[in-house]
Amino acid sequence: MLQFTRDIVRRNVFNANILKCQSSTSLAKLKKLQADFQREDGTLIWLKRGFSDRVLYTSTVVGCYLGVIMCLAVFYDNAKPESWKKKD
């Protein structure tokens, strides 16, 4: 049983060392991304990544406004008395 656990530990340590070597480029990318987010350039944090963030933010705001307008339209239609509604 002890030999079995030693083999498992050795395999996991070996795999972890391989992953450390492969992740050095991803670590560099992460450091660059952190530096970009911490830069003081007056840009809002949710717009720091550029055009794609701006498109996502704008579409979210427009969707929220449309949802509020549609809710108000439904409230208005449901608030009218039956005599005012169209009868088909």
PDB file of N, CA and C in Angstrom:
ATOM      1  N   MET A   1       0.827  -1.198   0.000  1.00  0.00           N
ATOM      2  CA  MET A   1       0.000   0.000   0.000  1.00  0.00           C
ATOM      3  C   MET A   1       0.866   1.255   0.000  1.00  0.00           C
ATOM      4  N   LEU A   2       1.940   1.227   0.760  1.00  0.00           N
ATOM      5  CA  LEU A   2       2.832   2.374   0.837  1.00  0.00           C
ATOM      6  C   LEU A   2       3.491   2.646  -0.513  1.00  0.00           C
ATOM      7  N   GLN A   3       3.866   1.580  -1.215  1.00  0.00           N
ATOM      8  CA  GLN A   3       4.482   1.738  -2.531  1.00  0.00           C
ATOM      9  C   GLN A   3       3.490   2.368  -3.519  1.00  0.00           C
ATOM     10  N   PHE A   4       2.234   1.985  -3.415  1.00  0.00           N
ATOM     11  CA  PHE A   4       1.188   2.529  -4.291  1.00  0.00           C
ATOM     12  C   PHE A   4       1.030   4.036  -4.081  1.00  0.00           C
ATOM     13  N   THR A   5       1.007   4.473  -2.836  1.00  0.00           N
ATOM     14  CA  THR A   5       0.868   5.908  -2.570  1.00  0.00           C
ATOM     15  C   THR A   5       2.114   6.676  -3.005  1.00  0.00           C
ATOM     16  N   ARG A   6       3.294   6.073  -2.866  1.00  0.00           N
ATOM     17  CA  ARG A   6       4.514   6.727  -3.341  1.00  0.00           C
ATOM     18  C   ARG A   6       4.457   6.942  -4.848  1.00  0.00           C
ATOM     19  N   ASP A   7       3.991   5.932  -5.565  1.00  0.00           N
ATOM     20  CA  ASP A   7       3.895   6.058  -7.023  1.00  0.00           C
ATOM     21  C   ASP A   7       2.932   7.171  -7.418  1.00  0.00           C
ATOM     22  N   ILE A   8       1.830   7.264  -6.722  1.00  0.00           N
ATOM     23  CA  ILE A   8       0.848   8.315  -7.023  1.00  0.00           C
ATOM     24  C   ILE A   8       1.447   9.690  -6.754  1.00  0.00           C
ATOM     25  N   VAL A   9       2.124   9.836  -5.636  1.00  0.00           N
ATOM     26  CA  VAL A   9       2.732  11.124  -5.298  1.00  0.00           C
ATOM     27  C   VAL A   9       3.799  11.482  -6.325  1.00  0.00           C
ATOM     28  N   ARG A  10       4.627  10.551  -6.712  1.00  0.00           N
ATOM     29  CA  ARG A  10       5.680  10.824  -7.698  1.00  0.00           C
ATOM     30  C   ARG A  10       5.080  11.242  -9.036  1.00  0.00           C
ATOM     31  N   ARG A  11       4.031  10.549  -9.463  1.00  0.00           N
ATOM     32  CA  ARG A  11       3.395  10.918 -10.734  1.00  0.00           C
ATOM     33  C   ARG A  11       2.812  12.321 -10.664  1.00  0.00           C
ATOM     34  N   ASN A  12       2.150  12.658  -9.567  1.00  0.00           N
ATOM     35  CA  ASN A  12       1.544  13.985  -9.446  1.00  0.00           C
ATOM     36  C   ASN A  12       2.598  15.081  -9.386  1.00  0.00           C
ATOM     37  N   VAL A  13       3.697  14.834  -8.692  1.00  0.00           N
ATOM     38  CA  VAL A  13       4.765  15.828  -8.628  1.00  0.00           C
ATOM     39  C   VAL A  13       5.393  16.000 -10.004  1.00  0.00           C
ATOM     40  N   PHE A  14       5.606  14.915 -10.717  1.00  0.00           N
ATOM     41  CA  PHE A  14       6.185  14.989 -12.059  1.00  0.00           C
ATOM     42  C   PHE A  14       5.259  15.764 -12.995  1.00  0.00           C
ATOM     43  N   ASN A  15       3.949  15.479 -12.934  1.00  0.00           N
ATOM     44  CA  ASN A  15       2.996  16.191 -13.779  1.00  0.00           C
ATOM     45  C   ASN A  15       2.933  17.670 -13.416  1.00  0.00           C
ATOM     46  N   ALA A  16       3.054  17.993 -12.142  1.00  0.00           N
ATOM     47  CA  ALA A  16       3.027  19.391 -11.723  1.00  0.00           C
ATOM     48  C   ALA A  16       4.242  20.136 -12.261  1.00  0.00           C
ATOM     49  N   ASN A  17       5.411  19.492 -12.289  1.00  0.00           N
ATOM     50  CA  ASN A  17       6.607  20.137 -12.845  1.00  0.00           C
ATOM     51  C   ASN A  17       6.457  20.383 -14.337  1.00  0.00           C
ATOM     52  N   ILE A  18       5.843  19.468 -15.045  1.00  0.00           N
ATOM     53  CA  ILE A  18       5.604  19.669 -16.483  1.00  0.00           C
ATOM     54  C   ILE A  18       4.653  20.840 -16.690  1.00  0.00           C
ATOM     55  N   LEU A  19       3.607  20.917 -15.881  1.00  0.00           N
ATOM     56  CA  LEU A  19       2.651  22.010 -16.012  1.00  0.00           C
ATOM     57  C   LEU A  19       3.289  23.356 -15.692  1.00  0.00           C
ATOM     58  N   LYS A  20       4.218  23.394 -14.739  1.00  0.00           N
ATOM     59  CA  LYS A  20       4.894  24.646 -14.429  1.00  0.00           C
ATOM     60  C   LYS A  20       5.692  25.141 -15.624  1.00  0.00           C
ATOM     61  N   CYS A  21       6.334  24.232 -16.312  1.00  0.00           N
ATOM     62  CA  CYS A  21       7.123  24.630 -17.486  1.00  0.00           C
ATOM     63  C   CYS A  21       6.227  25.122 -18.604  1.00  0.00           C
ATOM     64  N   GLN A  22       5.083  24.507 -18.793  1.00  0.00           N
ATOM     65  CA  GLN A  22       4.187  24.887 -19.876  1.00  0.00           C
ATOM     66  C   GLN A  22       3.423  26.167 -19.557  1.00  0.00           C
ATOM     67  N   SER A  23       3.255  26.502 -18.298  1.00  0.00           N
ATOM     68  CA  SER A  23       2.424  27.637 -17.938  1.00  0.00           C
ATOM     69  C   SER A  23       3.201  28.941 -17.816  1.00  0.00           C
ATOM     70  N   SER A  24       4.482  28.957 -18.148  1.00  0.00           N
ATOM     71  CA  SER A  24       5.250  30.187 -18.024  1.00  0.00           C
ATOM     72  C   SER A  24       4.756  31.249 -19.011  1.00  0.00           C
ATOM     73  N   THR A  25       4.321  30.819 -20.199  1.00  0.00           N
ATOM     74  CA  THR A  25       3.788  31.793 -21.152  1.00  0.00           C
ATOM     75  C   THR A  25       2.443  32.323 -20.684  1.00  0.00           C
ATOM     76  N   SER A  26       1.620  31.458 -20.102  1.00  0.00           N
ATOM     77  CA  SER A  26       0.329  31.930 -19.602  1.00  0.00           C
ATOM     78  C   SER A  26       0.518  32.852 -18.395  1.00  0.00           C
ATOM     79  N   LEU A  27       1.557  32.616 -17.601  1.00  0.00           N
ATOM     80  CA  LEU A  27       1.846  33.493 -16.480  1.00  0.00           C
ATOM     81  C   LEU A  27       2.276  34.871 -16.980  1.00  0.00           C
ATOM     82  N   ALA A  28       3.057  34.907 -18.045  1.00  0.00           N
ATOM     83  CA  ALA A  28       3.470  36.188 -18.625  1.00  0.00           C
ATOM     84  C   ALA A  28       2.263  36.942 -19.173  1.00  0.00           C
ATOM     85  N   LYS A  29       1.342  36.218 -19.796  1.00  0.00           N
ATOM     86  CA  LYS A  29       0.121  36.849 -20.313  1.00  0.00           C
ATOM     87  C   LYS A  29      -0.725  37.414 -19.173  1.00  0.00           C
ATOM     88  N   LEU A  30      -0.804  36.652 -18.080  1.00  0.00           N
ATOM     89  CA  LEU A  30      -1.572  37.100 -16.925  1.00  0.00           C
ATOM     90  C   LEU A  30      -0.951  38.347 -16.306  1.00  0.00           C
ATOM     91  N   LYS A  31       0.368  38.381 -16.198  1.00  0.00           N
ATOM     92  CA  LYS A  31       1.046  39.564 -15.657  1.00  0.00           C
ATOM     93  C   LYS A  31       0.796  40.787 -16.533  1.00  0.00           C
ATOM     94  N   LYS A  32       0.822  40.610 -17.854  1.00  0.00           N
ATOM     95  CA  LYS A  32       0.565  41.719 -18.771  1.00  0.00           C
ATOM     96  C   LYS A  32      -0.873  42.214 -18.636  1.00  0.00           C
ATOM     97  N   LEU A  33      -1.807  41.274 -18.509  1.00  0.00           N
ATOM     98  CA  LEU A  33      -3.211  41.634 -18.349  1.00  0.00           C
ATOM     99  C   LEU A  33      -3.436  42.393 -17.041  1.00  0.00           C
ATOM    100  N   GLN A  34      -2.790  41.955 -15.968  1.00  0.00           N
ATOM    101  CA  GLN A  34      -2.900  42.662 -14.692  1.00  0.00           C
ATOM    102  C   GLN A  34      -2.330  44.070 -14.794  1.00  0.00           C
ATOM    103  N   ALA A  35      -1.211  44.199 -15.486  1.00  0.00           N
ATOM    104  CA  ALA A  35      -0.610  45.528 -15.655  1.00  0.00           C
ATOM    105  C   ALA A  35      -1.526  46.432 -16.473  1.00  0.00           C
ATOM    106  N   ASP A  36      -2.193  45.874 -17.483  1.00  0.00           N
ATOM    107  CA  ASP A  36      -3.123  46.669 -18.297  1.00  0.00           C
ATOM    108  C   ASP A  36      -4.309  47.150 -17.465  1.00  0.00           C
ATOM    109  N   PHE A  37      -4.803  46.310 -16.583  1.00  0.00           N
ATOM    110  CA  PHE A  37      -5.949  46.694 -15.767  1.00  0.00           C
ATOM    111  C   PHE A  37      -5.570  47.697 -14.686  1.00  0.00           C
ATOM    112  N   GLN A  38      -4.327  47.694 -14.229  1.00  0.00           N
ATOM    113  CA  GLN A  38      -3.904  48.593 -13.159  1.00  0.00           C
ATOM    114  C   GLN A  38      -3.403  49.940 -13.683  1.00  0.00           C
ATOM    115  N   ARG A  39      -3.304  50.082 -14.980  1.00  0.00           N
ATOM    116  CA  ARG A  39      -2.813  51.332 -15.561  1.00  0.00           C
ATOM    117  C   ARG A  39      -3.818  52.448 -15.300  1.00  0.00           C
ATOM    118  N   GLU A  40      -3.310  53.618 -14.924  1.00  0.00           N
ATOM    119  CA  GLU A  40      -4.148  54.789 -14.661  1.00  0.00           C
ATOM    120  C   GLU A  40      -4.299  55.596 -15.955  1.00  0.00           C
ATOM    121  N   ASP A  41      -5.346  55.305 -16.729  1.00  0.00           N
ATOM    122  CA  ASP A  41      -5.561  56.054 -17.961  1.00  0.00           C
ATOM    123  C   ASP A  41      -6.944  56.690 -18.025  1.00  0.00           C
ATOM    124  N   GLY A  42      -7.683  56.646 -16.929  1.00  0.00           N
ATOM    125  CA  GLY A  42      -8.992  57.285 -16.886  1.00  0.00           C
ATOM    126  C   GLY A  42     -10.117  56.457 -17.485  1.00  0.00           C
ATOM    127  N   THR A  43      -9.817  55.281 -17.987  1.00  0.00           N
ATOM    128  CA  THR A  43     -10.839  54.406 -18.561  1.00  0.00           C
ATOM    129  C   THR A  43     -11.520  53.624 -17.445  1.00  0.00           C
ATOM    130  N   LEU A  44     -12.820  53.444 -17.576  1.00  0.00           N
ATOM    131  CA  LEU A  44     -13.555  52.657 -16.587  1.00  0.00           C
ATOM    132  C   LEU A  44     -13.068  51.213 -16.626  1.00  0.00           C
ATOM    133  N   ILE A  45     -13.120  50.542 -15.493  1.00  0.00           N
ATOM    134  CA  ILE A  45     -12.542  49.203 -15.396  1.00  0.00           C
ATOM    135  C   ILE A  45     -13.255  48.209 -16.315  1.00  0.00           C
ATOM    136  N   TRP A  46     -14.550  48.381 -16.535  1.00  0.00           N
ATOM    137  CA  TRP A  46     -15.275  47.439 -17.383  1.00  0.00           C
ATOM    138  C   TRP A  46     -15.114  47.761 -18.863  1.00  0.00           C
ATOM    139  N   LEU A  47     -14.335  48.784 -19.200  1.00  0.00           N
ATOM    140  CA  LEU A  47     -14.054  49.105 -20.597  1.00  0.00           C
ATOM    141  C   LEU A  47     -12.557  49.046 -20.904  1.00  0.00           C
ATOM    142  N   LYS A  48     -11.763  48.457 -20.024  1.00  0.00           N
ATOM    143  CA  LYS A  48     -10.303  48.453 -20.175  1.00  0.00           C
ATOM    144  C   LYS A  48      -9.818  47.602 -21.339  1.00  0.00           C
ATOM    145  N   ARG A  49     -10.573  46.599 -21.764  1.00  0.00           N
ATOM    146  CA  ARG A  49     -10.061  45.692 -22.790  1.00  0.00           C
ATOM    147  C   ARG A  49     -10.376  46.137 -24.203  1.00  0.00           C
ATOM    148  N   GLY A  50     -10.966  47.309 -24.357  1.00  0.00           N
ATOM    149  CA  GLY A  50     -11.086  47.886 -25.694  1.00  0.00           C
ATOM    150  C   GLY A  50     -12.466  47.782 -26.307  1.00  0.00           C
ATOM    151  N   PHE A  51     -12.460  47.609 -27.623  1.00  0.00           N
ATOM    152  CA  PHE A  51     -13.684  47.677 -28.409  1.00  0.00           C
ATOM    153  C   PHE A  51     -14.692  46.590 -28.036  1.00  0.00           C
ATOM    154  N   SER A  52     -14.225  45.379 -27.792  1.00  0.00           N
ATOM    155  CA  SER A  52     -15.155  44.286 -27.464  1.00  0.00           C
ATOM    156  C   SER A  52     -15.902  44.581 -26.162  1.00  0.00           C
ATOM    157  N   ASP A  53     -15.216  45.166 -25.187  1.00  0.00           N
ATOM    158  CA  ASP A  53     -15.891  45.540 -23.938  1.00  0.00           C
ATOM    159  C   ASP A  53     -16.900  46.650 -24.175  1.00  0.00           C
ATOM    160  N   ARG A  54     -16.550  47.591 -25.044  1.00  0.00           N
ATOM    161  CA  ARG A  54     -17.463  48.689 -25.337  1.00  0.00           C
ATOM    162  C   ARG A  54     -18.734  48.169 -26.020  1.00  0.00           C
ATOM    163  N   VAL A  55     -18.575  47.221 -26.948  1.00  0.00           N
ATOM    164  CA  VAL A  55     -19.741  46.644 -27.629  1.00  0.00           C
ATOM    165  C   VAL A  55     -20.612  45.888 -26.635  1.00  0.00           C
ATOM    166  N   LEU A  56     -20.000  45.091 -25.786  1.00  0.00           N
ATOM    167  CA  LEU A  56     -20.753  44.326 -24.791  1.00  0.00           C
ATOM    168  C   LEU A  56     -21.483  45.242 -23.813  1.00  0.00           C
ATOM    169  N   TYR A  57     -20.803  46.278 -23.341  1.00  0.00           N
ATOM    170  CA  TYR A  57     -21.414  47.224 -22.399  1.00  0.00           C
ATOM    171  C   TYR A  57     -22.576  47.970 -23.053  1.00  0.00           C
ATOM    172  N   THR A  58     -22.375  48.451 -24.280  1.00  0.00           N
ATOM    173  CA  THR A  58     -23.420  49.205 -24.973  1.00  0.00           C
ATOM    174  C   THR A  58     -24.635  48.329 -25.252  1.00  0.00           C
ATOM    175  N   SER A  59     -24.402  47.107 -25.697  1.00  0.00           N
ATOM    176  CA  SER A  59     -25.536  46.224 -25.972  1.00  0.00           C
ATOM    177  C   SER A  59     -26.291  45.873 -24.684  1.00  0.00           C
ATOM    178  N   THR A  60     -25.590  45.752 -23.569  1.00  0.00           N
ATOM    179  CA  THR A  60     -26.247  45.481 -22.291  1.00  0.00           C
ATOM    180  C   THR A  60     -27.115  46.654 -21.858  1.00  0.00           C
ATOM    181  N   VAL A  61     -26.594  47.869 -21.991  1.00  0.00           N
ATOM    182  CA  VAL A  61     -27.358  49.053 -21.608  1.00  0.00           C
ATOM    183  C   VAL A  61     -28.583  49.216 -22.503  1.00  0.00           C
ATOM    184  N   VAL A  62     -28.404  49.035 -23.806  1.00  0.00           N
ATOM    185  CA  VAL A  62     -29.533  49.148 -24.740  1.00  0.00           C
ATOM    186  C   VAL A  62     -30.577  48.077 -24.429  1.00  0.00           C
ATOM    187  N   GLY A  63     -30.140  46.864 -24.138  1.00  0.00           N
ATOM    188  CA  GLY A  63     -31.076  45.798 -23.787  1.00  0.00           C
ATOM    189  C   GLY A  63     -31.856  46.105 -22.520  1.00  0.00           C
ATOM    190  N   CYS A  64     -31.196  46.700 -21.547  1.00  0.00           N
ATOM    191  CA  CYS A  64     -31.892  47.083 -20.306  1.00  0.00           C
ATOM    192  C   CYS A  64     -32.943  48.152 -20.572  1.00  0.00           C
ATOM    193  N   TYR A  65     -32.580  49.162 -21.367  1.00  0.00           N
ATOM    194  CA  TYR A  65     -33.554  50.207 -21.698  1.00  0.00           C
ATOM    195  C   TYR A  65     -34.740  49.633 -22.465  1.00  0.00           C
ATOM    196  N   LEU A  66     -34.466  48.758 -23.423  1.00  0.00           N
ATOM    197  CA  LEU A  66     -35.572  48.149 -24.173  1.00  0.00           C
ATOM    198  C   LEU A  66     -36.466  47.313 -23.257  1.00  0.00           C
ATOM    199  N   GLY A  67     -35.874  46.606 -22.324  1.00  0.00           N
ATOM    200  CA  GLY A  67     -36.663  45.811 -21.389  1.00  0.00           C
ATOM    201  C   GLY A  67     -37.562  46.668 -20.520  1.00  0.00           C
ATOM    202  N   VAL A  68     -37.049  47.801 -20.056  1.00  0.00           N
ATOM    203  CA  VAL A  68     -37.868  48.708 -19.236  1.00  0.00           C
ATOM    204  C   VAL A  68     -39.010  49.275 -20.064  1.00  0.00           C
ATOM    205  N   ILE A  69     -38.705  49.685 -21.290  1.00  0.00           N
ATOM    206  CA  ILE A  69     -39.757  50.238 -22.164  1.00  0.00           C
ATOM    207  C   ILE A  69     -40.817  49.190 -22.463  1.00  0.00           C
ATOM    208  N   MET A  70     -40.403  47.954 -22.724  1.00  0.00           N
ATOM    209  CA  MET A  70     -41.383  46.900 -23.000  1.00  0.00           C
ATOM    210  C   MET A  70     -42.228  46.590 -21.764  1.00  0.00           C
ATOM    211  N   CYS A  71     -41.628  46.612 -20.579  1.00  0.00           N
ATOM    212  CA  CYS A  71     -42.395  46.397 -19.340  1.00  0.00           C
ATOM    213  C   CYS A  71     -43.432  47.500 -19.152  1.00  0.00           C
ATOM    214  N   LEU A  72     -43.025  48.748 -19.396  1.00  0.00           N
ATOM    215  CA  LEU A  72     -43.971  49.855 -19.272  1.00  0.00           C
ATOM    216  C   LEU A  72     -45.117  49.728 -20.278  1.00  0.00           C
ATOM    217  N   ALA A  73     -44.818  49.261 -21.481  1.00  0.00           N
ATOM    218  CA  ALA A  73     -45.862  49.059 -22.488  1.00  0.00           C
ATOM    219  C   ALA A  73     -46.843  47.979 -22.041  1.00  0.00           C
ATOM    220  N   VAL A  74     -46.330  46.907 -21.462  1.00  0.00           N
ATOM    221  CA  VAL A  74     -47.204  45.837 -20.973  1.00  0.00           C
ATOM    222  C   VAL A  74     -48.056  46.341 -19.812  1.00  0.00           C
ATOM    223  N   PHE A  75     -47.455  47.096 -18.894  1.00  0.00           N
ATOM    224  CA  PHE A  75     -48.227  47.657 -17.780  1.00  0.00           C
ATOM    225  C   PHE A  75     -49.336  48.566 -18.296  1.00  0.00           C
ATOM    226  N   TYR A  76     -49.025  49.387 -19.288  1.00  0.00           N
ATOM    227  CA  TYR A  76     -50.017  50.296 -19.848  1.00  0.00           C
ATOM    228  C   TYR A  76     -51.155  49.521 -20.508  1.00  0.00           C
ATOM    229  N   ASP A  77     -50.813  48.485 -21.293  1.00  0.00           N
ATOM    230  CA  ASP A  77     -51.854  47.689 -21.954  1.00  0.00           C
ATOM    231  C   ASP A  77     -52.731  46.953 -20.943  1.00  0.00           C
ATOM    232  N   ASN A  78     -52.153  46.467 -19.882  1.00  0.00           N
ATOM    233  CA  ASN A  78     -52.936  45.741 -18.882  1.00  0.00           C
ATOM    234  C   ASN A  78     -53.721  46.666 -17.962  1.00  0.00           C
ATOM    235  N   ALA A  79     -53.341  47.918 -17.885  1.00  0.00           N
ATOM    236  CA  ALA A  79     -54.043  48.860 -17.017  1.00  0.00           C
ATOM    237  C   ALA A  79     -55.287  49.434 -17.671  1.00  0.00           C
ATOM    238  N   LYS A  80     -55.392  49.340 -18.990  1.00  0.00           N
ATOM    239  CA  LYS A  80     -56.569  49.885 -19.673  1.00  0.00           C
ATOM    240  C   LYS A  80     -57.800  49.041 -19.355  1.00  0.00           C
ATOM    241  N   PRO A  81     -58.940  49.680 -19.224  1.00  0.00           N
ATOM    242  CA  PRO A  81     -60.152  48.906 -19.006  1.00  0.00           C
ATOM    243  C   PRO A  81     -60.508  48.108 -20.260  1.00  0.00           C
ATOM    244  N   GLU A  82     -61.321  47.089 -20.065  1.00  0.00           N
ATOM    245  CA  GLU A  82     -61.712  46.220 -21.184  1.00  0.00           C
ATOM    246  C   GLU A  82     -62.417  46.995 -22.288  1.00  0.00           C
ATOM    247  N   SER A  83     -63.147  48.041 -21.945  1.00  0.00           N
ATOM    248  CA  SER A  83     -63.901  48.779 -22.961  1.00  0.00           C
ATOM    249  C   SER A  83     -62.967  49.548 -23.906  1.00  0.00           C
ATOM    250  N   TRP A  84     -61.748  49.847 -23.478  1.00  0.00           N
ATOM    251  CA  TRP A  84     -60.817  50.581 -24.336  1.00  0.00           C
ATOM    252  C   TRP A  84     -60.018  49.662 -25.252  1.00  0.00           C
ATOM    253  N   LYS A  85     -59.952  48.402 -24.885  1.00  0.00           N
ATOM    254  CA  LYS A  85     -59.130  47.461 -25.662  1.00  0.00           C
ATOM    255  C   LYS A  85     -59.855  47.113 -26.975  1.00  0.00           C
ATOM    256  N   LYS A  86     -59.063  46.788 -27.966  1.00  0.00           N
ATOM    257  CA  LYS A  86     -59.619  46.431 -29.270  1.00  0.00           C
ATOM    258  C   LYS A  86     -60.318  45.077 -29.149  1.00  0.00           C
ATOM    259  N   LYS A  87     -61.467  44.998 -29.764  1.00  0.00           N
ATOM    260  CA  LYS A  87     -62.195  43.729 -29.788  1.00  0.00           C
ATOM    261  C   LYS A  87     -62.163  43.219 -31.208  1.00  0.00           C
ATOM    262  N   ASP A  88     -61.555  42.065 -31.398  1.00  0.00           N
ATOM    263  CA  ASP A  88     -61.443  41.497 -32.750  1.00  0.00           C
ATOM    264  C   ASP A  88     -62.512  40.482 -33.004  1.00  0.00           C
TER     265      ASP A  88
END
